[in-house]
PDB file of N, CA and C in Angstrom:
ATOM      1  N   UNK A   1      -9.642  12.426  30.293  1.00  0.00           N
ATOM      2  CA  UNK A   1     -10.613  11.517  30.872  1.00  0.00           C
ATOM      3  C   UNK A   1     -10.897  10.391  29.461  1.00  0.00           C
ATOM      4  N   UNK A   2     -11.295   9.199  29.902  1.00  0.00           N
ATOM      5  CA  UNK A   2     -11.695   7.906  28.962  1.00  0.00           C
ATOM      6  C   UNK A   2     -12.556   8.533  27.970  1.00  0.00           C
ATOM      7  N   UNK A   3     -13.856   9.256  28.399  1.00  0.00           N
ATOM      8  CA  UNK A   3     -14.496   9.429  27.279  1.00  0.00           C
ATOM      9  C   UNK A   3     -13.905  10.224  25.947  1.00  0.00           C
ATOM     10  N   UNK A   4     -13.224  11.180  26.535  1.00  0.00           N
ATOM     11  CA  UNK A   4     -12.503  12.503  25.344  1.00  0.00           C
ATOM     12  C   UNK A   4     -11.258  11.156  24.854  1.00  0.00           C
ATOM     13  N   UNK A   5     -10.790  10.326  25.473  1.00  0.00           N
ATOM     14  CA  UNK A   5      -9.854   9.107  24.664  1.00  0.00           C
ATOM     15  C   UNK A   5     -10.879   8.923  23.583  1.00  0.00           C
ATOM     16  N   UNK A   6     -11.625   8.130  23.937  1.00  0.00           N
ATOM     17  CA  UNK A   6     -12.605   7.010  22.830  1.00  0.00           C
ATOM     18  C   UNK A   6     -12.821   8.373  22.000  1.00  0.00           C
ATOM     19  N   UNK A   7     -13.447   9.347  22.222  1.00  0.00           N
ATOM     20  CA  UNK A   7     -13.560  10.264  21.121  1.00  0.00           C
ATOM     21  C   UNK A   7     -12.642  10.495  20.322  1.00  0.00           C
ATOM     22  N   UNK A   8     -11.593  11.123  20.556  1.00  0.00           N
ATOM     23  CA  UNK A   8     -10.032  10.987  19.883  1.00  0.00           C
ATOM     24  C   UNK A   8     -10.165   9.962  18.835  1.00  0.00           C
ATOM     25  N   UNK A   9     -10.006   8.537  19.455  1.00  0.00           N
ATOM     26  CA  UNK A   9      -9.454   7.338  19.073  1.00  0.00           C
ATOM     27  C   UNK A   9     -10.920   7.560  17.733  1.00  0.00           C
ATOM     28  N   UNK A  10     -12.208   7.276  17.833  1.00  0.00           N
ATOM     29  CA  UNK A  10     -12.699   7.255  17.097  1.00  0.00           C
ATOM     30  C   UNK A  10     -12.756   8.449  16.039  1.00  0.00           C
ATOM     31  N   UNK A  11     -12.347   9.383  16.219  1.00  0.00           N
ATOM     32  CA  UNK A  11     -12.229  10.827  15.306  1.00  0.00           C
ATOM     33  C   UNK A  11     -10.903   9.783  14.315  1.00  0.00           C
ATOM     34  N   UNK A  12      -9.886   9.273  15.143  1.00  0.00           N
ATOM     35  CA  UNK A  12      -8.728   9.186  14.213  1.00  0.00           C
ATOM     36  C   UNK A  12      -8.938   7.788  13.242  1.00  0.00           C
ATOM     37  N   UNK A  13     -10.033   7.366  13.928  1.00  0.00           N
ATOM     38  CA  UNK A  13     -10.144   5.871  12.823  1.00  0.00           C
ATOM     39  C   UNK A  13     -11.006   6.412  11.835  1.00  0.00           C
ATOM     40  N   UNK A  14     -11.781   7.043  12.166  1.00  0.00           N
ATOM     41  CA  UNK A  14     -12.940   7.738  11.131  1.00  0.00           C
ATOM     42  C   UNK A  14     -11.816   8.453   9.978  1.00  0.00           C
ATOM     43  N   UNK A  15     -10.466   8.860  10.336  1.00  0.00           N
ATOM     44  CA  UNK A  15      -9.845   9.765   9.240  1.00  0.00           C
ATOM     45  C   UNK A  15      -8.996   8.675   8.382  1.00  0.00           C
ATOM     46  N   UNK A  16      -8.633   7.760   9.294  1.00  0.00           N
ATOM     47  CA  UNK A  16      -7.636   6.634   8.483  1.00  0.00           C
ATOM     48  C   UNK A  16      -8.619   6.155   7.544  1.00  0.00           C
ATOM     49  N   UNK A  17      -9.872   5.698   8.015  1.00  0.00           N
ATOM     50  CA  UNK A  17     -10.623   5.028   7.195  1.00  0.00           C
ATOM     51  C   UNK A  17     -11.323   5.614   5.788  1.00  0.00           C
ATOM     52  N   UNK A  18     -11.524   6.993   6.104  1.00  0.00           N
ATOM     53  CA  UNK A  18     -11.450   8.164   4.737  1.00  0.00           C
ATOM     54  C   UNK A  18     -10.548   8.007   4.023  1.00  0.00           C
ATOM     55  N   UNK A  19      -9.248   7.957   4.729  1.00  0.00           N
ATOM     56  CA  UNK A  19      -7.891   7.925   4.063  1.00  0.00           C
ATOM     57  C   UNK A  19      -7.697   6.935   2.909  1.00  0.00           C
ATOM     58  N   UNK A  20      -7.770   5.955   3.830  1.00  0.00           N
ATOM     59  CA  UNK A  20      -7.760   4.413   3.304  1.00  0.00           C
ATOM     60  C   UNK A  20      -8.700   4.162   1.926  1.00  0.00           C
ATOM     61  N   UNK A  21      -9.917   4.559   2.453  1.00  0.00           N
ATOM     62  CA  UNK A  21     -11.047   4.613   0.909  1.00  0.00           C
ATOM     63  C   UNK A  21     -10.572   5.653   0.054  1.00  0.00           C
ATOM     64  N   UNK A  22      -9.674   6.709   0.339  1.00  0.00           N
ATOM     65  CA  UNK A  22      -9.462   7.328  -1.132  1.00  0.00           C
ATOM     66  C   UNK A  22      -8.426   7.212  -1.907  1.00  0.00           C
ATOM     67  N   UNK A  23      -7.306   6.442  -0.789  1.00  0.00           N
ATOM     68  CA  UNK A  23      -6.186   5.899  -1.493  1.00  0.00           C
ATOM     69  C   UNK A  23      -6.904   4.630  -2.017  1.00  0.00           C
ATOM     70  N   UNK A  24      -7.524   3.866  -1.894  1.00  0.00           N
ATOM     71  CA  UNK A  24      -8.057   2.678  -2.486  1.00  0.00           C
ATOM     72  C   UNK A  24      -8.586   2.873  -3.929  1.00  0.00           C
ATOM     73  N   UNK A  25      -9.568   3.943  -3.668  1.00  0.00           N
ATOM     74  CA  UNK A  25     -10.269   4.160  -5.032  1.00  0.00           C
ATOM     75  C   UNK A  25      -9.024   4.802  -6.165  1.00  0.00           C
ATOM     76  N   UNK A  26      -8.044   5.800  -5.720  1.00  0.00           N
ATOM     77  CA  UNK A  26      -7.014   6.101  -6.848  1.00  0.00           C
ATOM     78  C   UNK A  26      -6.325   4.876  -7.144  1.00  0.00           C
ATOM     79  N   UNK A  27      -6.041   3.676  -6.382  1.00  0.00           N
ATOM     80  CA  UNK A  27      -5.291   2.827  -6.628  1.00  0.00           C
ATOM     81  C   UNK A  27      -6.043   2.077  -7.909  1.00  0.00           C
ATOM     82  N   UNK A  28      -7.361   1.788  -7.652  1.00  0.00           N
ATOM     83  CA  UNK A  28      -7.661   1.249  -8.455  1.00  0.00           C
ATOM     84  C   UNK A  28      -8.285   1.910  -9.848  1.00  0.00           C
ATOM     85  N   UNK A  29      -8.543   3.261  -9.520  1.00  0.00           N
ATOM     86  CA  UNK A  29      -8.087   4.245 -10.867  1.00  0.00           C
ATOM     87  C   UNK A  29      -7.171   4.018 -11.885  1.00  0.00           C
ATOM     88  N   UNK A  30      -5.829   4.058 -11.179  1.00  0.00           N
ATOM     89  CA  UNK A  30      -4.987   4.034 -11.996  1.00  0.00           C
ATOM     90  C   UNK A  30      -4.416   2.327 -12.174  1.00  0.00           C
ATOM     91  N   UNK A  31      -4.855   1.690 -12.030  1.00  0.00           N
ATOM     92  CA  UNK A  31      -4.877   0.175 -12.369  1.00  0.00           C
ATOM     93  C   UNK A  31      -5.684  -0.086 -13.604  1.00  0.00           C
ATOM     94  N   UNK A  32      -7.270   0.500 -13.410  1.00  0.00           N
ATOM     95  CA  UNK A  32      -7.800   0.595 -14.457  1.00  0.00           C
ATOM     96  C   UNK A  32      -7.521   1.071 -15.777  1.00  0.00           C
ATOM     97  N   UNK A  33      -6.472   2.164 -15.332  1.00  0.00           N
ATOM     98  CA  UNK A  33      -6.452   3.070 -16.465  1.00  0.00           C
ATOM     99  C   UNK A  33      -4.918   2.157 -17.297  1.00  0.00           C
ATOM    100  N   UNK A  34      -4.438   1.888 -16.534  1.00  0.00           N
ATOM    101  CA  UNK A  34      -3.004   1.013 -17.332  1.00  0.00           C
ATOM    102  C   UNK A  34      -3.634   0.162 -17.739  1.00  0.00           C
ATOM    103  N   UNK A  35      -4.798  -1.034 -17.137  1.00  0.00           N
ATOM    104  CA  UNK A  35      -4.850  -2.245 -17.915  1.00  0.00           C
ATOM    105  C   UNK A  35      -5.667  -1.800 -19.306  1.00  0.00           C
ATOM    106  N   UNK A  36      -6.510  -0.519 -19.310  1.00  0.00           N
ATOM    107  CA  UNK A  36      -6.964   0.139 -20.617  1.00  0.00           C
ATOM    108  C   UNK A  36      -6.022   0.111 -21.450  1.00  0.00           C
ATOM    109  N   UNK A  37      -5.004   0.562 -21.033  1.00  0.00           N
ATOM    110  CA  UNK A  37      -3.979   0.742 -22.385  1.00  0.00           C
ATOM    111  C   UNK A  37      -3.117  -0.209 -22.802  1.00  0.00           C
ATOM    112  N   UNK A  38      -3.285  -1.194 -21.423  1.00  0.00           N
ATOM    113  CA  UNK A  38      -2.562  -2.684 -22.079  1.00  0.00           C
ATOM    114  C   UNK A  38      -3.331  -3.242 -22.897  1.00  0.00           C
ATOM    115  N   UNK A  39      -5.069  -3.626 -22.825  1.00  0.00           N
ATOM    116  CA  UNK A  39      -5.729  -3.909 -23.865  1.00  0.00           C
ATOM    117  C   UNK A  39      -5.753  -3.346 -24.978  1.00  0.00           C
ATOM    118  N   UNK A  40      -5.514  -2.176 -24.814  1.00  0.00           N
ATOM    119  CA  UNK A  40      -5.637  -1.599 -26.179  1.00  0.00           C
ATOM    120  C   UNK A  40      -4.006  -1.829 -26.971  1.00  0.00           C
ATOM    121  N   UNK A  41      -3.363  -1.634 -26.415  1.00  0.00           N
ATOM    122  CA  UNK A  41      -2.155  -2.378 -27.188  1.00  0.00           C
ATOM    123  C   UNK A  41      -2.113  -3.368 -27.617  1.00  0.00           C
ATOM    124  N   UNK A  42      -2.417  -4.642 -26.712  1.00  0.00           N
ATOM    125  CA  UNK A  42      -2.586  -6.039 -26.952  1.00  0.00           C
ATOM    126  C   UNK A  42      -3.689  -6.079 -28.299  1.00  0.00           C
ATOM    127  N   UNK A  43      -4.576  -5.744 -28.374  1.00  0.00           N
ATOM    128  CA  UNK A  43      -5.450  -5.393 -29.428  1.00  0.00           C
ATOM    129  C   UNK A  43      -4.712  -5.102 -30.784  1.00  0.00           C
ATOM    130  N   UNK A  44      -4.052  -4.084 -30.601  1.00  0.00           N
ATOM    131  CA  UNK A  44      -3.333  -3.675 -31.792  1.00  0.00           C
ATOM    132  C   UNK A  44      -2.247  -4.519 -32.162  1.00  0.00           C
ATOM    133  N   UNK A  45      -1.817  -5.449 -31.190  1.00  0.00           N
ATOM    134  CA  UNK A  45      -0.601  -6.153 -31.755  1.00  0.00           C
ATOM    135  C   UNK A  45      -1.436  -7.303 -32.197  1.00  0.00           C
ATOM    136  N   UNK A  46      -2.413  -7.905 -31.788  1.00  0.00           N
ATOM    137  CA  UNK A  46      -3.432  -9.264 -32.324  1.00  0.00           C
ATOM    138  C   UNK A  46      -3.694  -8.680 -33.542  1.00  0.00           C
ATOM    139  N   UNK A  47      -4.329  -7.212 -34.042  1.00  0.00           N
ATOM    140  CA  UNK A  47      -4.423  -7.138 -35.198  1.00  0.00           C
ATOM    141  C   UNK A  47      -3.306  -7.202 -36.174  1.00  0.00           C
ATOM    142  N   UNK A  48      -2.282  -6.787 -35.909  1.00  0.00           N
ATOM    143  CA  UNK A  48      -1.099  -6.751 -36.799  1.00  0.00           C
ATOM    144  C   UNK A  48      -0.509  -8.042 -37.089  1.00  0.00           C
ATOM    145  N   UNK A  49      -0.601  -9.026 -36.545  1.00  0.00           N
ATOM    146  CA  UNK A  49      -0.310 -10.688 -36.081  1.00  0.00           C
ATOM    147  C   UNK A  49      -1.217 -11.081 -37.208  1.00  0.00           C
ATOM    148  N   UNK A  50      -2.536 -10.541 -37.270  1.00  0.00           N
ATOM    149  CA  UNK A  50      -3.751 -11.376 -38.329  1.00  0.00           C
ATOM    150  C   UNK A  50      -3.482 -10.630 -39.108  1.00  0.00           C
ATOM    151  N   UNK A  51      -3.366  -9.485 -39.613  1.00  0.00           N
ATOM    152  CA  UNK A  51      -2.935  -8.711 -41.032  1.00  0.00           C
ATOM    153  C   UNK A  51      -1.625  -9.547 -41.579  1.00  0.00           C
ATOM    154  N   UNK A  52      -0.421  -9.543 -40.808  1.00  0.00           N
ATOM    155  CA  UNK A  52       0.644 -10.849 -41.522  1.00  0.00           C
ATOM    156  C   UNK A  52       0.496 -12.258 -41.557  1.00  0.00           C
ATOM    157  N   UNK A  53      -0.092 -12.578 -41.162  1.00  0.00           N
ATOM    158  CA  UNK A  53      -0.696 -14.008 -41.505  1.00  0.00           C
ATOM    159  C   UNK A  53      -1.766 -14.482 -42.353  1.00  0.00           C
ATOM    160  N   UNK A  54      -2.813 -13.138 -42.585  1.00  0.00           N
ATOM    161  CA  UNK A  54      -3.253 -13.069 -43.683  1.00  0.00           C
ATOM    162  C   UNK A  54      -2.493 -13.058 -44.937  1.00  0.00           C
ATOM    163  N   UNK A  55      -1.441 -12.310 -45.143  1.00  0.00           N
ATOM    164  CA  UNK A  55      -0.671 -11.821 -46.006  1.00  0.00           C
ATOM    165  C   UNK A  55       0.448 -12.405 -46.272  1.00  0.00           C
ATOM    166  N   UNK A  56       0.941 -13.793 -45.392  1.00  0.00           N
ATOM    167  CA  UNK A  56       1.493 -14.432 -45.596  1.00  0.00           C
ATOM    168  C   UNK A  56       1.903 -15.438 -47.116  1.00  0.00           C
ATOM    169  N   UNK A  57       0.545 -16.418 -46.990  1.00  0.00           N
ATOM    170  CA  UNK A  57       0.661 -17.080 -48.098  1.00  0.00           C
ATOM    171  C   UNK A  57       1.087 -16.454 -49.544  1.00  0.00           C
ATOM    172  N   UNK A  58       0.708 -15.028 -49.526  1.00  0.00           N
ATOM    173  CA  UNK A  58       1.003 -14.433 -50.772  1.00  0.00           C
ATOM    174  C   UNK A  58       2.238 -14.255 -51.142  1.00  0.00           C
ATOM    175  N   UNK A  59       2.756 -13.824 -49.747  1.00  0.00           N
ATOM    176  CA  UNK A  59       4.353 -13.205 -49.741  1.00  0.00           C
ATOM    177  C   UNK A  59       5.454 -14.942 -50.163  1.00  0.00           C
ATOM    178  N   UNK A  60       4.498 -15.862 -49.219  1.00  0.00           N
ATOM    179  CA  UNK A  60       6.157 -16.902 -49.624  1.00  0.00           C
ATOM    180  C   UNK A  60       5.506 -17.783 -50.869  1.00  0.00           C
ATOM    181  N   UNK A  61       4.332 -17.507 -51.624  1.00  0.00           N
ATOM    182  CA  UNK A  61       3.996 -18.417 -52.843  1.00  0.00           C
ATOM    183  C   UNK A  61       5.316 -17.963 -53.955  1.00  0.00           C
ATOM    184  N   UNK A  62       5.149 -18.730 -54.557  1.00  0.00           N
ATOM    185  CA  UNK A  62       5.901 -19.090 -55.712  1.00  0.00           C
ATOM    186  C   UNK A  62       5.824 -17.898 -56.606  1.00  0.00           C
ATOM    187  N   UNK A  63       6.087 -17.304 -57.406  1.00  0.00           N
ATOM    188  CA  UNK A  63       5.699 -16.569 -58.658  1.00  0.00           C
ATOM    189  C   UNK A  63       6.403 -17.049 -59.806  1.00  0.00           C
ATOM    190  N   UNK A  64       5.539 -16.547 -60.665  1.00  0.00           N
ATOM    191  CA  UNK A  64       6.022 -17.462 -62.272  1.00  0.00           C
ATOM    192  C   UNK A  64       6.562 -16.240 -63.140  1.00  0.00           C
TER     193      UNK A  64
END
């Protein structure tokens, strides 16, 4: 009957919503983790470039 069908649909939508919420949370957690890793690597790269630039004048200056 219609009431049973309505209840079944309500339950299915609830399950779908819960799964969608969990999947979205997992996706954002994975994205955050990846972004943190990329940010750390970028920070290390920038630091290496900064050190190289600071040492450049001494490396290219003429020696007596």
